[in-house]
Amino acid sequence: MKWLERNSYVKVLLAAFLVITGYIFITDEGNTTYEQIQVQHGDSLWSLAEKYRGNMPTHEWIKAVKLENNLNGETIVAGRELTIPLSGDTIIMAQDFEQENNSTEVKVATNNQ
């Protein structure tokens, strides 16, 4: 215990850690889930953001996708799987539609509240 009394900066760091942790738990809405999608020919992060971002600002959605998928730039490749965030106001309807070239399209509906 004397060690802790002599090193008062440890108390300050511990208190700061507890305050920051409490703040994160209080402010985190926890309504973001993640989904795996396959990039189609012609997709860009911007076009995917318009489909999947819900009420999340486009630049924040793109930043989250880049961070989650370890992307350095904004270039994505068709056929690659991406992990994307879905905010609480975006609902994925699990309906696949077969197209002429046997590719699958996922329809997305948003519930803006």
PDB file of N, CA and C in Angstrom:
ATOM      1  N   MET A   1       0.809  -1.185   0.000  1.00  0.00           N
ATOM      2  CA  MET A   1       0.000   0.000   0.000  1.00  0.00           C
ATOM      3  C   MET A   1       0.861   1.261   0.000  1.00  0.00           C
ATOM      4  N   LYS A   2       2.029   1.188   0.603  1.00  0.00           N
ATOM      5  CA  LYS A   2       2.915   2.362   0.612  1.00  0.00           C
ATOM      6  C   LYS A   2       3.382   2.693  -0.795  1.00  0.00           C
ATOM      7  N   TRP A   3       3.521   1.656  -1.620  1.00  0.00           N
ATOM      8  CA  TRP A   3       3.933   1.890  -3.000  1.00  0.00           C
ATOM      9  C   TRP A   3       2.913   2.776  -3.702  1.00  0.00           C
ATOM     10  N   LEU A   4       1.617   2.504  -3.468  1.00  0.00           N
ATOM     11  CA  LEU A   4       0.552   3.280  -4.079  1.00  0.00           C
ATOM     12  C   LEU A   4       0.541   4.721  -3.560  1.00  0.00           C
ATOM     13  N   GLU A   5       0.852   4.888  -2.280  1.00  0.00           N
ATOM     14  CA  GLU A   5       0.901   6.236  -1.707  1.00  0.00           C
ATOM     15  C   GLU A   5       2.059   7.040  -2.290  1.00  0.00           C
ATOM     16  N   ARG A   6       3.180   6.374  -2.546  1.00  0.00           N
ATOM     17  CA  ARG A   6       4.356   7.071  -3.105  1.00  0.00           C
ATOM     18  C   ARG A   6       4.166   7.392  -4.580  1.00  0.00           C
ATOM     19  N   ASN A   7       3.383   6.605  -5.276  1.00  0.00           N
ATOM     20  CA  ASN A   7       3.176   6.789  -6.715  1.00  0.00           C
ATOM     21  C   ASN A   7       1.747   7.275  -6.965  1.00  0.00           C
ATOM     22  N   SER A   8       1.513   8.513  -6.637  1.00  0.00           N
ATOM     23  CA  SER A   8       0.154   9.054  -6.738  1.00  0.00           C
ATOM     24  C   SER A   8      -0.344   9.123  -8.183  1.00  0.00           C
ATOM     25  N   TYR A   9       0.543   9.130  -9.163  1.00  0.00           N
ATOM     26  CA  TYR A   9       0.119   9.174 -10.556  1.00  0.00           C
ATOM     27  C   TYR A   9      -0.655   7.911 -10.924  1.00  0.00           C
ATOM     28  N   VAL A  10      -0.395   6.803 -10.246  1.00  0.00           N
ATOM     29  CA  VAL A  10      -1.137   5.576 -10.501  1.00  0.00           C
ATOM     30  C   VAL A  10      -2.606   5.774 -10.119  1.00  0.00           C
ATOM     31  N   LYS A  11      -2.859   6.466  -9.031  1.00  0.00           N
ATOM     32  CA  LYS A  11      -4.230   6.768  -8.624  1.00  0.00           C
ATOM     33  C   LYS A  11      -4.925   7.617  -9.686  1.00  0.00           C
ATOM     34  N   VAL A  12      -4.209   8.604 -10.195  1.00  0.00           N
ATOM     35  CA  VAL A  12      -4.786   9.489 -11.209  1.00  0.00           C
ATOM     36  C   VAL A  12      -5.092   8.697 -12.477  1.00  0.00           C
ATOM     37  N   LEU A  13      -4.172   7.846 -12.912  1.00  0.00           N
ATOM     38  CA  LEU A  13      -4.403   7.034 -14.111  1.00  0.00           C
ATOM     39  C   LEU A  13      -5.570   6.075 -13.914  1.00  0.00           C
ATOM     40  N   LEU A  14      -5.661   5.461 -12.762  1.00  0.00           N
ATOM     41  CA  LEU A  14      -6.758   4.547 -12.473  1.00  0.00           C
ATOM     42  C   LEU A  14      -8.098   5.286 -12.472  1.00  0.00           C
ATOM     43  N   ALA A  15      -8.131   6.452 -11.861  1.00  0.00           N
ATOM     44  CA  ALA A  15      -9.356   7.245 -11.842  1.00  0.00           C
ATOM     45  C   ALA A  15      -9.756   7.656 -13.265  1.00  0.00           C
ATOM     46  N   ALA A  16      -8.783   8.079 -14.060  1.00  0.00           N
ATOM     47  CA  ALA A  16      -9.068   8.465 -15.444  1.00  0.00           C
ATOM     48  C   ALA A  16      -9.594   7.277 -16.238  1.00  0.00           C
ATOM     49  N   PHE A  17      -9.000   6.124 -16.051  1.00  0.00           N
ATOM     50  CA  PHE A  17      -9.453   4.910 -16.731  1.00  0.00           C
ATOM     51  C   PHE A  17     -10.901   4.594 -16.366  1.00  0.00           C
ATOM     52  N   LEU A  18     -11.238   4.689 -15.103  1.00  0.00           N
ATOM     53  CA  LEU A  18     -12.602   4.401 -14.660  1.00  0.00           C
ATOM     54  C   LEU A  18     -13.599   5.407 -15.224  1.00  0.00           C
ATOM     55  N   VAL A  19     -13.223   6.672 -15.270  1.00  0.00           N
ATOM     56  CA  VAL A  19     -14.107   7.702 -15.819  1.00  0.00           C
ATOM     57  C   VAL A  19     -14.337   7.460 -17.309  1.00  0.00           C
ATOM     58  N   ILE A  20     -13.284   7.182 -18.051  1.00  0.00           N
ATOM     59  CA  ILE A  20     -13.411   6.943 -19.494  1.00  0.00           C
ATOM     60  C   ILE A  20     -14.242   5.694 -19.762  1.00  0.00           C
ATOM     61  N   THR A  21     -13.993   4.623 -19.028  1.00  0.00           N
ATOM     62  CA  THR A  21     -14.756   3.394 -19.197  1.00  0.00           C
ATOM     63  C   THR A  21     -16.238   3.622 -18.894  1.00  0.00           C
ATOM     64  N   GLY A  22     -16.521   4.342 -17.831  1.00  0.00           N
ATOM     65  CA  GLY A  22     -17.902   4.667 -17.500  1.00  0.00           C
ATOM     66  C   GLY A  22     -18.568   5.477 -18.584  1.00  0.00           C
ATOM     67  N   TYR A  23     -17.849   6.439 -19.126  1.00  0.00           N
ATOM     68  CA  TYR A  23     -18.388   7.273 -20.199  1.00  0.00           C
ATOM     69  C   TYR A  23     -18.726   6.434 -21.423  1.00  0.00           C
ATOM     70  N   ILE A  24     -17.853   5.515 -21.783  1.00  0.00           N
ATOM     71  CA  ILE A  24     -18.089   4.659 -22.950  1.00  0.00           C
ATOM     72  C   ILE A  24     -19.333   3.806 -22.741  1.00  0.00           C
ATOM     73  N   PHE A  25     -19.476   3.218 -21.575  1.00  0.00           N
ATOM     74  CA  PHE A  25     -20.642   2.382 -21.310  1.00  0.00           C
ATOM     75  C   PHE A  25     -21.933   3.190 -21.279  1.00  0.00           C
ATOM     76  N   ILE A  26     -21.871   4.406 -20.806  1.00  0.00           N
ATOM     77  CA  ILE A  26     -23.070   5.231 -20.717  1.00  0.00           C
ATOM     78  C   ILE A  26     -23.502   5.728 -22.099  1.00  0.00           C
ATOM     79  N   THR A  27     -22.556   6.123 -22.938  1.00  0.00           N
ATOM     80  CA  THR A  27     -22.898   6.727 -24.227  1.00  0.00           C
ATOM     81  C   THR A  27     -23.058   5.727 -25.362  1.00  0.00           C
ATOM     82  N   ASP A  28     -22.590   4.501 -25.217  1.00  0.00           N
ATOM     83  CA  ASP A  28     -22.698   3.509 -26.281  1.00  0.00           C
ATOM     84  C   ASP A  28     -24.126   3.001 -26.372  1.00  0.00           C
ATOM     85  N   GLU A  29     -24.763   3.251 -27.517  1.00  0.00           N
ATOM     86  CA  GLU A  29     -26.137   2.796 -27.708  1.00  0.00           C
ATOM     87  C   GLU A  29     -26.193   1.299 -27.954  1.00  0.00           C
ATOM     88  N   GLY A  30     -25.123   0.715 -28.474  1.00  0.00           N
ATOM     89  CA  GLY A  30     -25.048  -0.720 -28.656  1.00  0.00           C
ATOM     90  C   GLY A  30     -26.012  -1.273 -29.686  1.00  0.00           C
ATOM     91  N   ASN A  31     -26.490  -0.443 -30.608  1.00  0.00           N
ATOM     92  CA  ASN A  31     -27.449  -0.931 -31.578  1.00  0.00           C
ATOM     93  C   ASN A  31     -26.836  -1.108 -32.965  1.00  0.00           C
ATOM     94  N   THR A  32     -25.534  -1.195 -33.042  1.00  0.00           N
ATOM     95  CA  THR A  32     -24.871  -1.445 -34.311  1.00  0.00           C
ATOM     96  C   THR A  32     -24.479  -2.906 -34.379  1.00  0.00           C
ATOM     97  N   THR A  33     -24.895  -3.563 -35.449  1.00  0.00           N
ATOM     98  CA  THR A  33     -24.503  -4.943 -35.692  1.00  0.00           C
ATOM     99  C   THR A  33     -23.666  -4.971 -36.960  1.00  0.00           C
ATOM    100  N   TYR A  34     -23.022  -6.088 -37.202  1.00  0.00           N
ATOM    101  CA  TYR A  34     -22.173  -6.210 -38.382  1.00  0.00           C
ATOM    102  C   TYR A  34     -22.659  -7.365 -39.244  1.00  0.00           C
ATOM    103  N   GLU A  35     -22.536  -7.186 -40.535  1.00  0.00           N
ATOM    104  CA  GLU A  35     -23.020  -8.156 -41.508  1.00  0.00           C
ATOM    105  C   GLU A  35     -21.933  -8.371 -42.565  1.00  0.00           C
ATOM    106  N   GLN A  36     -21.841  -9.583 -43.095  1.00  0.00           N
ATOM    107  CA  GLN A  36     -20.908  -9.891 -44.189  1.00  0.00           C
ATOM    108  C   GLN A  36     -21.646  -9.754 -45.510  1.00  0.00           C
ATOM    109  N   ILE A  37     -21.079  -9.004 -46.442  1.00  0.00           N
ATOM    110  CA  ILE A  37     -21.649  -8.904 -47.786  1.00  0.00           C
ATOM    111  C   ILE A  37     -20.549  -9.180 -48.790  1.00  0.00           C
ATOM    112  N   GLN A  38     -20.943  -9.564 -49.984  1.00  0.00           N
ATOM    113  CA  GLN A  38     -19.974  -9.772 -51.061  1.00  0.00           C
ATOM    114  C   GLN A  38     -20.055  -8.582 -52.014  1.00  0.00           C
ATOM    115  N   VAL A  39     -18.914  -8.007 -52.321  1.00  0.00           N
ATOM    116  CA  VAL A  39     -18.848  -6.844 -53.205  1.00  0.00           C
ATOM    117  C   VAL A  39     -19.174  -7.289 -54.629  1.00  0.00           C
ATOM    118  N   GLN A  40     -20.081  -6.564 -55.256  1.00  0.00           N
ATOM    119  CA  GLN A  40     -20.479  -6.836 -56.632  1.00  0.00           C
ATOM    120  C   GLN A  40     -19.756  -5.885 -57.572  1.00  0.00           C
ATOM    121  N   HIS A  41     -19.679  -6.262 -58.842  1.00  0.00           N
ATOM    122  CA  HIS A  41     -19.055  -5.409 -59.851  1.00  0.00           C
ATOM    123  C   HIS A  41     -19.780  -4.066 -59.886  1.00  0.00           C
ATOM    124  N   GLY A  42     -19.052  -2.982 -59.818  1.00  0.00           N
ATOM    125  CA  GLY A  42     -19.621  -1.639 -59.848  1.00  0.00           C
ATOM    126  C   GLY A  42     -19.882  -1.042 -58.481  1.00  0.00           C
ATOM    127  N   ASP A  43     -19.742  -1.845 -57.418  1.00  0.00           N
ATOM    128  CA  ASP A  43     -19.929  -1.317 -56.069  1.00  0.00           C
ATOM    129  C   ASP A  43     -18.771  -0.431 -55.667  1.00  0.00           C
ATOM    130  N   SER A  44     -19.067   0.570 -54.865  1.00  0.00           N
ATOM    131  CA  SER A  44     -18.044   1.409 -54.244  1.00  0.00           C
ATOM    132  C   SER A  44     -18.450   1.587 -52.788  1.00  0.00           C
ATOM    133  N   LEU A  45     -17.536   2.057 -51.972  1.00  0.00           N
ATOM    134  CA  LEU A  45     -17.896   2.300 -50.580  1.00  0.00           C
ATOM    135  C   LEU A  45     -19.026   3.316 -50.487  1.00  0.00           C
ATOM    136  N   TRP A  46     -19.028   4.279 -51.388  1.00  0.00           N
ATOM    137  CA  TRP A  46     -20.070   5.307 -51.383  1.00  0.00           C
ATOM    138  C   TRP A  46     -21.429   4.720 -51.741  1.00  0.00           C
ATOM    139  N   SER A  47     -21.470   3.843 -52.769  1.00  0.00           N
ATOM    140  CA  SER A  47     -22.761   3.248 -53.148  1.00  0.00           C
ATOM    141  C   SER A  47     -23.251   2.275 -52.080  1.00  0.00           C
ATOM    142  N   LEU A  48     -22.342   1.539 -51.458  1.00  0.00           N
ATOM    143  CA  LEU A  48     -22.724   0.632 -50.379  1.00  0.00           C
ATOM    144  C   LEU A  48     -23.219   1.416 -49.169  1.00  0.00           C
ATOM    145  N   ALA A  49     -22.612   2.568 -48.912  1.00  0.00           N
ATOM    146  CA  ALA A  49     -23.039   3.402 -47.791  1.00  0.00           C
ATOM    147  C   ALA A  49     -24.483   3.856 -47.988  1.00  0.00           C
ATOM    148  N   GLU A  50     -24.836   4.214 -49.210  1.00  0.00           N
ATOM    149  CA  GLU A  50     -26.205   4.648 -49.479  1.00  0.00           C
ATOM    150  C   GLU A  50     -27.209   3.527 -49.240  1.00  0.00           C
ATOM    151  N   LYS A  51     -26.795   2.275 -49.449  1.00  0.00           N
ATOM    152  CA  LYS A  51     -27.701   1.142 -49.242  1.00  0.00           C
ATOM    153  C   LYS A  51     -27.812   0.740 -47.780  1.00  0.00           C
ATOM    154  N   TYR A  52     -26.693   0.776 -47.050  1.00  0.00           N
ATOM    155  CA  TYR A  52     -26.633   0.125 -45.743  1.00  0.00           C
ATOM    156  C   TYR A  52     -26.452   1.043 -44.543  1.00  0.00           C
ATOM    157  N   ARG A  53     -26.190   2.312 -44.716  1.00  0.00           N
ATOM    158  CA  ARG A  53     -25.790   3.160 -43.587  1.00  0.00           C
ATOM    159  C   ARG A  53     -26.924   3.569 -42.667  1.00  0.00           C
ATOM    160  N   GLY A  54     -28.158   3.508 -43.121  1.00  0.00           N
ATOM    161  CA  GLY A  54     -29.279   3.947 -42.291  1.00  0.00           C
ATOM    162  C   GLY A  54     -29.152   5.434 -42.006  1.00  0.00           C
ATOM    163  N   ASN A  55     -29.218   5.834 -40.736  1.00  0.00           N
ATOM    164  CA  ASN A  55     -29.078   7.245 -40.360  1.00  0.00           C
ATOM    165  C   ASN A  55     -27.643   7.638 -40.051  1.00  0.00           C
ATOM    166  N   MET A  56     -26.710   6.695 -40.148  1.00  0.00           N
ATOM    167  CA  MET A  56     -25.305   6.980 -39.872  1.00  0.00           C
ATOM    168  C   MET A  56     -24.757   7.864 -40.994  1.00  0.00           C
ATOM    169  N   PRO A  57     -24.022   8.917 -40.664  1.00  0.00           N
ATOM    170  CA  PRO A  57     -23.423   9.751 -41.722  1.00  0.00           C
ATOM    171  C   PRO A  57     -22.516   8.918 -42.629  1.00  0.00           C
ATOM    172  N   THR A  58     -22.533   9.243 -43.912  1.00  0.00           N
ATOM    173  CA  THR A  58     -21.787   8.465 -44.903  1.00  0.00           C
ATOM    174  C   THR A  58     -20.311   8.357 -44.556  1.00  0.00           C
ATOM    175  N   HIS A  59     -19.678   9.473 -44.188  1.00  0.00           N
ATOM    176  CA  HIS A  59     -18.239   9.435 -43.906  1.00  0.00           C
ATOM    177  C   HIS A  59     -17.933   8.565 -42.685  1.00  0.00           C
ATOM    178  N   GLU A  60     -18.825   8.542 -41.693  1.00  0.00           N
ATOM    179  CA  GLU A  60     -18.604   7.682 -40.522  1.00  0.00           C
ATOM    180  C   GLU A  60     -18.776   6.218 -40.882  1.00  0.00           C
ATOM    181  N   TRP A  61     -19.774   5.915 -41.731  1.00  0.00           N
ATOM    182  CA  TRP A  61     -20.001   4.536 -42.161  1.00  0.00           C
ATOM    183  C   TRP A  61     -18.788   4.016 -42.930  1.00  0.00           C
ATOM    184  N   ILE A  62     -18.283   4.827 -43.858  1.00  0.00           N
ATOM    185  CA  ILE A  62     -17.118   4.430 -44.653  1.00  0.00           C
ATOM    186  C   ILE A  62     -15.899   4.250 -43.749  1.00  0.00           C
ATOM    187  N   LYS A  63     -15.723   5.141 -42.799  1.00  0.00           N
ATOM    188  CA  LYS A  63     -14.605   5.020 -41.855  1.00  0.00           C
ATOM    189  C   LYS A  63     -14.703   3.707 -41.067  1.00  0.00           C
ATOM    190  N   ALA A  64     -15.912   3.348 -40.628  1.00  0.00           N
ATOM    191  CA  ALA A  64     -16.108   2.102 -39.882  1.00  0.00           C
ATOM    192  C   ALA A  64     -15.819   0.885 -40.748  1.00  0.00           C
ATOM    193  N   VAL A  65     -16.237   0.914 -42.013  1.00  0.00           N
ATOM    194  CA  VAL A  65     -15.980  -0.205 -42.931  1.00  0.00           C
ATOM    195  C   VAL A  65     -14.481  -0.350 -43.179  1.00  0.00           C
ATOM    196  N   LYS A  66     -13.813   0.772 -43.407  1.00  0.00           N
ATOM    197  CA  LYS A  66     -12.364   0.725 -43.642  1.00  0.00           C
ATOM    198  C   LYS A  66     -11.632   0.173 -42.426  1.00  0.00           C
ATOM    199  N   LEU A  67     -12.042   0.582 -41.249  1.00  0.00           N
ATOM    200  CA  LEU A  67     -11.410   0.107 -40.019  1.00  0.00           C
ATOM    201  C   LEU A  67     -11.680  -1.382 -39.795  1.00  0.00           C
ATOM    202  N   GLU A  68     -12.914  -1.795 -39.985  1.00  0.00           N
ATOM    203  CA  GLU A  68     -13.302  -3.189 -39.746  1.00  0.00           C
ATOM    204  C   GLU A  68     -12.637  -4.150 -40.732  1.00  0.00           C
ATOM    205  N   ASN A  69     -12.374  -3.690 -41.958  1.00  0.00           N
ATOM    206  CA  ASN A  69     -11.828  -4.553 -43.006  1.00  0.00           C
ATOM    207  C   ASN A  69     -10.361  -4.275 -43.319  1.00  0.00           C
ATOM    208  N   ASN A  70      -9.715  -3.450 -42.502  1.00  0.00           N
ATOM    209  CA  ASN A  70      -8.299  -3.105 -42.686  1.00  0.00           C
ATOM    210  C   ASN A  70      -8.014  -2.563 -44.087  1.00  0.00           C
ATOM    211  N   LEU A  71      -8.847  -1.642 -44.539  1.00  0.00           N
ATOM    212  CA  LEU A  71      -8.656  -1.015 -45.846  1.00  0.00           C
ATOM    213  C   LEU A  71      -7.860   0.270 -45.679  1.00  0.00           C
ATOM    214  N   ASN A  72      -6.855   0.454 -46.516  1.00  0.00           N
ATOM    215  CA  ASN A  72      -6.063   1.684 -46.468  1.00  0.00           C
ATOM    216  C   ASN A  72      -6.698   2.797 -47.288  1.00  0.00           C
ATOM    217  N   GLY A  73      -7.300   2.432 -48.401  1.00  0.00           N
ATOM    218  CA  GLY A  73      -7.932   3.425 -49.259  1.00  0.00           C
ATOM    219  C   GLY A  73      -9.408   3.127 -49.399  1.00  0.00           C
ATOM    220  N   GLU A  74     -10.010   3.686 -50.450  1.00  0.00           N
ATOM    221  CA  GLU A  74     -11.437   3.487 -50.657  1.00  0.00           C
ATOM    222  C   GLU A  74     -11.709   2.518 -51.799  1.00  0.00           C
ATOM    223  N   THR A  75     -10.684   1.806 -52.255  1.00  0.00           N
ATOM    224  CA  THR A  75     -10.844   0.863 -53.347  1.00  0.00           C
ATOM    225  C   THR A  75     -11.269  -0.492 -52.801  1.00  0.00           C
ATOM    226  N   ILE A  76     -12.342  -1.040 -53.364  1.00  0.00           N
ATOM    227  CA  ILE A  76     -12.792  -2.379 -53.000  1.00  0.00           C
ATOM    228  C   ILE A  76     -12.855  -3.219 -54.268  1.00  0.00           C
ATOM    229  N   VAL A  77     -12.756  -4.536 -54.118  1.00  0.00           N
ATOM    230  CA  VAL A  77     -12.659  -5.442 -55.249  1.00  0.00           C
ATOM    231  C   VAL A  77     -13.899  -6.330 -55.304  1.00  0.00           C
ATOM    232  N   ALA A  78     -14.470  -6.462 -56.511  1.00  0.00           N
ATOM    233  CA  ALA A  78     -15.635  -7.328 -56.695  1.00  0.00           C
ATOM    234  C   ALA A  78     -15.272  -8.761 -56.309  1.00  0.00           C
ATOM    235  N   GLY A  79     -16.184  -9.410 -55.610  1.00  0.00           N
ATOM    236  CA  GLY A  79     -15.969 -10.778 -55.165  1.00  0.00           C
ATOM    237  C   GLY A  79     -15.449 -10.878 -53.744  1.00  0.00           C
ATOM    238  N   ARG A  80     -14.898  -9.797 -53.238  1.00  0.00           N
ATOM    239  CA  ARG A  80     -14.378  -9.805 -51.869  1.00  0.00           C
ATOM    240  C   ARG A  80     -15.518  -9.639 -50.880  1.00  0.00           C
ATOM    241  N   GLU A  81     -15.397 -10.276 -49.726  1.00  0.00           N
ATOM    242  CA  GLU A  81     -16.395 -10.099 -48.676  1.00  0.00           C
ATOM    243  C   GLU A  81     -15.981  -8.947 -47.778  1.00  0.00           C
ATOM    244  N   LEU A  82     -16.947  -8.130 -47.417  1.00  0.00           N
ATOM    245  CA  LEU A  82     -16.728  -7.016 -46.508  1.00  0.00           C
ATOM    246  C   LEU A  82     -17.616  -7.183 -45.287  1.00  0.00           C
ATOM    247  N   THR A  83     -17.088  -6.789 -44.144  1.00  0.00           N
ATOM    248  CA  THR A  83     -17.885  -6.708 -42.932  1.00  0.00           C
ATOM    249  C   THR A  83     -18.346  -5.271 -42.824  1.00  0.00           C
ATOM    250  N   ILE A  84     -19.668  -5.091 -42.802  1.00  0.00           N
ATOM    251  CA  ILE A  84     -20.213  -3.734 -42.784  1.00  0.00           C
ATOM    252  C   ILE A  84     -21.059  -3.523 -41.533  1.00  0.00           C
ATOM    253  N   PRO A  85     -21.068  -2.288 -41.016  1.00  0.00           N
ATOM    254  CA  PRO A  85     -21.927  -1.984 -39.866  1.00  0.00           C
ATOM    255  C   PRO A  85     -23.349  -1.706 -40.318  1.00  0.00           C
ATOM    256  N   LEU A  86     -24.288  -2.200 -39.543  1.00  0.00           N
ATOM    257  CA  LEU A  86     -25.699  -1.893 -39.758  1.00  0.00           C
ATOM    258  C   LEU A  86     -26.199  -1.233 -38.494  1.00  0.00           C
ATOM    259  N   SER A  87     -26.623   0.008 -38.613  1.00  0.00           N
ATOM    260  CA  SER A  87     -27.127   0.691 -37.429  1.00  0.00           C
ATOM    261  C   SER A  87     -28.510   0.153 -37.092  1.00  0.00           C
ATOM    262  N   GLY A  88     -29.001   0.515 -35.939  1.00  0.00           N
ATOM    263  CA  GLY A  88     -30.276   0.000 -35.460  1.00  0.00           C
ATOM    264  C   GLY A  88     -31.457   0.361 -36.342  1.00  0.00           C
ATOM    265  N   ASP A  89     -31.328   1.363 -37.199  1.00  0.00           N
ATOM    266  CA  ASP A  89     -32.448   1.763 -38.041  1.00  0.00           C
ATOM    267  C   ASP A  89     -32.406   1.132 -39.427  1.00  0.00           C
ATOM    268  N   THR A  90     -31.475   0.229 -39.676  1.00  0.00           N
ATOM    269  CA  THR A  90     -31.381  -0.456 -40.955  1.00  0.00           C
ATOM    270  C   THR A  90     -31.775  -1.906 -40.746  1.00  0.00           C
ATOM    271  N   ILE A  91     -32.695  -2.370 -41.521  1.00  0.00           N
ATOM    272  CA  ILE A  91     -33.163  -3.742 -41.413  1.00  0.00           C
ATOM    273  C   ILE A  91     -32.846  -4.455 -42.719  1.00  0.00           C
ATOM    274  N   ILE A  92     -32.136  -5.576 -42.612  1.00  0.00           N
ATOM    275  CA  ILE A  92     -31.857  -6.371 -43.807  1.00  0.00           C
ATOM    276  C   ILE A  92     -32.992  -7.359 -43.986  1.00  0.00           C
ATOM    277  N   MET A  93     -33.623  -7.306 -45.126  1.00  0.00           N
ATOM    278  CA  MET A  93     -34.654  -8.287 -45.441  1.00  0.00           C
ATOM    279  C   MET A  93     -33.959  -9.445 -46.124  1.00  0.00           C
ATOM    280  N   ALA A  94     -34.044 -10.600 -45.541  1.00  0.00           N
ATOM    281  CA  ALA A  94     -33.327 -11.776 -46.044  1.00  0.00           C
ATOM    282  C   ALA A  94     -34.060 -12.371 -47.228  1.00  0.00           C
ATOM    283  N   GLN A  95     -34.090 -11.636 -48.299  1.00  0.00           N
ATOM    284  CA  GLN A  95     -34.713 -12.118 -49.523  1.00  0.00           C
ATOM    285  C   GLN A  95     -33.689 -12.019 -50.635  1.00  0.00           C
ATOM    286  N   ASP A  96     -33.386 -13.139 -51.224  1.00  0.00           N
ATOM    287  CA  ASP A  96     -32.457 -13.175 -52.340  1.00  0.00           C
ATOM    288  C   ASP A  96     -33.262 -13.250 -53.633  1.00  0.00           C
ATOM    289  N   PHE A  97     -32.841 -12.510 -54.598  1.00  0.00           N
ATOM    290  CA  PHE A  97     -33.508 -12.526 -55.887  1.00  0.00           C
ATOM    291  C   PHE A  97     -32.515 -13.021 -56.937  1.00  0.00           C
ATOM    292  N   GLU A  98     -32.889 -14.092 -57.641  1.00  0.00           N
ATOM    293  CA  GLU A  98     -32.041 -14.617 -58.702  1.00  0.00           C
ATOM    294  C   GLU A  98     -32.143 -13.699 -59.912  1.00  0.00           C
ATOM    295  N   GLN A  99     -31.001 -13.413 -60.467  1.00  0.00           N
ATOM    296  CA  GLN A  99     -30.969 -12.600 -61.665  1.00  0.00           C
ATOM    297  C   GLN A  99     -30.588 -13.490 -62.836  1.00  0.00           C
ATOM    298  N   GLU A 100     -30.586 -12.932 -64.019  1.00  0.00           N
ATOM    299  CA  GLU A 100     -30.293 -13.693 -65.228  1.00  0.00           C
ATOM    300  C   GLU A 100     -28.926 -14.362 -65.178  1.00  0.00           C
ATOM    301  N   ASN A 101     -27.934 -13.723 -64.605  1.00  0.00           N
ATOM    302  CA  ASN A 101     -26.577 -14.263 -64.587  1.00  0.00           C
ATOM    303  C   ASN A 101     -26.288 -15.055 -63.313  1.00  0.00           C
ATOM    304  N   ASN A 102     -27.328 -15.514 -62.639  1.00  0.00           N
ATOM    305  CA  ASN A 102     -27.209 -16.338 -61.423  1.00  0.00           C
ATOM    306  C   ASN A 102     -26.497 -15.637 -60.272  1.00  0.00           C
ATOM    307  N   SER A 103     -26.468 -14.322 -60.280  1.00  0.00           N
ATOM    308  CA  SER A 103     -25.915 -13.618 -59.136  1.00  0.00           C
ATOM    309  C   SER A 103     -27.061 -13.324 -58.168  1.00  0.00           C
ATOM    310  N   THR A 104     -26.722 -13.043 -56.945  1.00  0.00           N
ATOM    311  CA  THR A 104     -27.737 -12.816 -55.919  1.00  0.00           C
ATOM    312  C   THR A 104     -27.753 -11.357 -55.523  1.00  0.00           C
ATOM    313  N   GLU A 105     -28.950 -10.814 -55.391  1.00  0.00           N
ATOM    314  CA  GLU A 105     -29.108  -9.417 -54.977  1.00  0.00           C
ATOM    315  C   GLU A 105     -29.885  -9.411 -53.667  1.00  0.00           C
ATOM    316  N   VAL A 106     -29.421  -8.635 -52.718  1.00  0.00           N
ATOM    317  CA  VAL A 106     -30.098  -8.521 -51.429  1.00  0.00           C
ATOM    318  C   VAL A 106     -30.857  -7.203 -51.402  1.00  0.00           C
ATOM    319  N   LYS A 107     -32.134  -7.268 -51.099  1.00  0.00           N
ATOM    320  CA  LYS A 107     -32.952  -6.067 -50.991  1.00  0.00           C
ATOM    321  C   LYS A 107     -32.833  -5.527 -49.574  1.00  0.00           C
ATOM    322  N   VAL A 108     -32.712  -4.230 -49.451  1.00  0.00           N
ATOM    323  CA  VAL A 108     -32.540  -3.588 -48.152  1.00  0.00           C
ATOM    324  C   VAL A 108     -33.666  -2.602 -47.937  1.00  0.00           C
ATOM    325  N   ALA A 109     -34.242  -2.627 -46.756  1.00  0.00           N
ATOM    326  CA  ALA A 109     -35.263  -1.650 -46.386  1.00  0.00           C
ATOM    327  C   ALA A 109     -34.784  -0.900 -45.165  1.00  0.00           C
ATOM    328  N   THR A 110     -35.045   0.390 -45.114  1.00  0.00           N
ATOM    329  CA  THR A 110     -34.675   1.146 -43.928  1.00  0.00           C
ATOM    330  C   THR A 110     -35.920   1.553 -43.180  1.00  0.00           C
ATOM    331  N   ASN A 111     -35.789   1.558 -41.881  1.00  0.00           N
ATOM    332  CA  ASN A 111     -36.883   1.963 -40.999  1.00  0.00           C
ATOM    333  C   ASN A 111     -36.429   3.218 -40.297  1.00  0.00           C
ATOM    334  N   ASN A 112     -36.686   4.368 -40.875  1.00  0.00           N
ATOM    335  CA  ASN A 112     -36.239   5.647 -40.309  1.00  0.00           C
ATOM    336  C   ASN A 112     -37.248   6.111 -39.267  1.00  0.00           C
ATOM    337  N   GLN A 113     -36.769   6.219 -38.023  1.00  0.00           N
ATOM    338  CA  GLN A 113     -37.650   6.631 -36.929  1.00  0.00           C
ATOM    339  C   GLN A 113     -37.292   8.004 -36.471  1.00  0.00           C
TER     340      GLN A 113
END
